[in-house]
Every structure is written in structure tokens, then in C-alpha cells.
């Protein structure tokens, strides 16, 4: 529901030249930061990517929930399949 509104908003943000200049400056600044702090920033990126795959593995391997059997089912009276009306 919010994805459509977010995409609609992003179209208007990306249309204006000032916002494109800010986004380009942020991406260039992040690239400069990563090259200046190269060993630490790349290790951090590797950890982030590994966390994504670890989360996917945990979600896939999580045990499925099994509903417990109702203990009262053995005490229920069986209803006849056909009720004869006279």
C-alpha cells in the first residue's frame, strides 16, 4: 500500500535538479568514505550481505508450527451421518 505512494513521491524527488545533485553528492561522498576507510568499510559491507543470507537461512530453516491436537475430541459424541425425519 505504501510502496505505490513512496514510488510516486520518489518520481517527484528525482525530477528536480537540486535533489538529483544532492543524491549524486551523497553517493560520491559515500564512495569517497569507503575508499578512505577501505578495510573497515568493505568488511562492514561483507557483514551486511552475510546478515541478509543468514536471515534468509534462519527463516527457511525455522520449524513449522504444528497445532496441538484438541484433547476434547475423544470425548465428543459422534453425530449420526444421516438424521431420519419422520
C-alpha atoms as a PDB file:
ATOM      1  CA  UNK A   1       0.000   0.000   0.000  1.00  0.00           C
ATOM      2  CA  UNK A   2       2.737   2.432   0.926  1.00  0.00           C
ATOM      3  CA  UNK A   3       5.042   1.247  -1.853  1.00  0.00           C
ATOM      4  CA  UNK A   4       2.984   2.992  -4.527  1.00  0.00           C
ATOM      5  CA  UNK A   5       2.922   6.248  -2.575  1.00  0.00           C
ATOM      6  CA  UNK A   6       6.659   6.002  -1.966  1.00  0.00           C
ATOM      7  CA  UNK A   7       7.385   5.424  -5.664  1.00  0.00           C
ATOM      8  CA  UNK A   8       5.098   8.317  -6.607  1.00  0.00           C
ATOM      9  CA  UNK A   9       6.967  10.579  -4.174  1.00  0.00           C
ATOM     10  CA  UNK A  10      10.359   9.397  -5.454  1.00  0.00           C
ATOM     11  CA  UNK A  11       9.407  10.372  -9.015  1.00  0.00           C
ATOM     12  CA  UNK A  12       8.942  13.971  -7.909  1.00  0.00           C
ATOM     13  CA  UNK A  13      12.098  13.911  -5.802  1.00  0.00           C
ATOM     14  CA  UNK A  14      14.176  12.642  -8.710  1.00  0.00           C
ATOM     15  CA  UNK A  15      12.673  15.124 -11.199  1.00  0.00           C
ATOM     16  CA  UNK A  16      14.130  18.258  -9.610  1.00  0.00           C
ATOM     17  CA  UNK A  17      17.771  19.057 -10.443  1.00  0.00           C
ATOM     18  CA  UNK A  18      18.556  20.118  -6.875  1.00  0.00           C
ATOM     19  CA  UNK A  19      17.518  16.769  -5.432  1.00  0.00           C
ATOM     20  CA  UNK A  20      19.471  14.902  -8.114  1.00  0.00           C
ATOM     21  CA  UNK A  21      22.548  16.981  -7.244  1.00  0.00           C
ATOM     22  CA  UNK A  22      22.122  16.175  -3.540  1.00  0.00           C
ATOM     23  CA  UNK A  23      21.709  12.453  -4.239  1.00  0.00           C
ATOM     24  CA  UNK A  24      24.753  12.442  -6.547  1.00  0.00           C
ATOM     25  CA  UNK A  25      26.786  14.272  -3.905  1.00  0.00           C
ATOM     26  CA  UNK A  26      25.738  11.753  -1.252  1.00  0.00           C
ATOM     27  CA  UNK A  27      26.678   8.799  -3.437  1.00  0.00           C
ATOM     28  CA  UNK A  28      30.047  10.349  -4.335  1.00  0.00           C
ATOM     29  CA  UNK A  29      30.659  11.148  -0.674  1.00  0.00           C
ATOM     30  CA  UNK A  30      29.859   7.568   0.303  1.00  0.00           C
ATOM     31  CA  UNK A  31      32.238   6.288  -2.368  1.00  0.00           C
ATOM     32  CA  UNK A  32      34.997   8.547  -1.059  1.00  0.00           C
ATOM     33  CA  UNK A  33      34.301   7.469   2.501  1.00  0.00           C
ATOM     34  CA  UNK A  34      34.500   3.814   1.521  1.00  0.00           C
ATOM     35  CA  UNK A  35      37.832   4.234  -0.241  1.00  0.00           C
ATOM     36  CA  UNK A  36      39.298   6.235   2.649  1.00  0.00           C
ATOM     37  CA  UNK A  37      38.238   3.639   5.225  1.00  0.00           C
ATOM     38  CA  UNK A  38      38.727   0.731   2.807  1.00  0.00           C
ATOM     39  CA  UNK A  39      39.426  -2.270   5.023  1.00  0.00           C
ATOM     40  CA  UNK A  40      36.763  -1.394   7.582  1.00  0.00           C
ATOM     41  CA  UNK A  41      34.046  -0.274   5.184  1.00  0.00           C
ATOM     42  CA  UNK A  42      34.397  -3.315   2.920  1.00  0.00           C
ATOM     43  CA  UNK A  43      34.379  -5.633   5.911  1.00  0.00           C
ATOM     44  CA  UNK A  44      31.220  -3.884   7.100  1.00  0.00           C
ATOM     45  CA  UNK A  45      29.604  -4.399   3.677  1.00  0.00           C
ATOM     46  CA  UNK A  46      30.552  -8.076   3.726  1.00  0.00           C
ATOM     47  CA  UNK A  47      28.973  -8.419   7.173  1.00  0.00           C
ATOM     48  CA  UNK A  48      25.782  -6.709   5.960  1.00  0.00           C
ATOM     49  CA  UNK A  49      25.486  -9.019   2.947  1.00  0.00           C
ATOM     50  CA  UNK A  50      26.209 -12.068   5.127  1.00  0.00           C
ATOM     51  CA  UNK A  51      23.474 -10.977   7.541  1.00  0.00           C
ATOM     52  CA  UNK A  52      20.963 -10.946   4.686  1.00  0.00           C
ATOM     53  CA  UNK A  53      21.782 -14.526   3.743  1.00  0.00           C
ATOM     54  CA  UNK A  54      21.901 -15.626   7.381  1.00  0.00           C
ATOM     55  CA  UNK A  55      18.435 -14.149   7.923  1.00  0.00           C
ATOM     56  CA  UNK A  56      17.093 -15.932   4.864  1.00  0.00           C
ATOM     57  CA  UNK A  57      18.583 -19.209   6.107  1.00  0.00           C
ATOM     58  CA  UNK A  58      17.005 -18.768   9.551  1.00  0.00           C
ATOM     59  CA  UNK A  59      13.615 -18.022   8.005  1.00  0.00           C
ATOM     60  CA  UNK A  60      13.796 -21.073   5.738  1.00  0.00           C
ATOM     61  CA  UNK A  61      15.008 -23.456   8.455  1.00  0.00           C
ATOM     62  CA  UNK A  62      12.652 -22.289  11.217  1.00  0.00           C
ATOM     63  CA  UNK A  63      10.473 -25.181  12.412  1.00  0.00           C
ATOM     64  CA  UNK A  64       6.887 -25.122  11.203  1.00  0.00           C
ATOM     65  CA  UNK A  65       4.202 -24.552  13.828  1.00  0.00           C
ATOM     66  CA  UNK A  66       2.062 -27.642  14.386  1.00  0.00           C
ATOM     67  CA  UNK A  67      -1.304 -27.136  16.004  1.00  0.00           C
ATOM     68  CA  UNK A  68      -1.692 -29.381  19.039  1.00  0.00           C
ATOM     69  CA  UNK A  69      -4.464 -31.928  18.916  1.00  0.00           C
ATOM     70  CA  UNK A  70      -7.594 -30.974  20.777  1.00  0.00           C
ATOM     71  CA  UNK A  71      -7.786 -33.232  23.863  1.00  0.00           C
ATOM     72  CA  UNK A  72     -11.580 -32.979  23.932  1.00  0.00           C
ATOM     73  CA  UNK A  73     -12.045 -34.691  20.566  1.00  0.00           C
ATOM     74  CA  UNK A  74     -12.018 -38.160  22.131  1.00  0.00           C
ATOM     75  CA  UNK A  75     -14.903 -37.171  24.442  1.00  0.00           C
ATOM     76  CA  UNK A  76     -17.189 -35.789  21.756  1.00  0.00           C
ATOM     77  CA  UNK A  77     -20.216 -37.769  20.881  1.00  0.00           C
ATOM     78  CA  UNK A  78     -20.348 -38.814  17.312  1.00  0.00           C
ATOM     79  CA  UNK A  79     -23.279 -37.350  15.457  1.00  0.00           C
ATOM     80  CA  UNK A  80     -25.082 -39.657  13.073  1.00  0.00           C
ATOM     81  CA  UNK A  81     -24.329 -39.066   9.416  1.00  0.00           C
ATOM     82  CA  UNK A  82     -27.992 -39.175   8.420  1.00  0.00           C
ATOM     83  CA  UNK A  83     -30.769 -37.974  10.647  1.00  0.00           C
ATOM     84  CA  UNK A  84     -34.035 -39.649   9.725  1.00  0.00           C
ATOM     85  CA  UNK A  85     -37.040 -37.404   9.949  1.00  0.00           C
ATOM     86  CA  UNK A  86     -40.453 -38.957  10.390  1.00  0.00           C
END
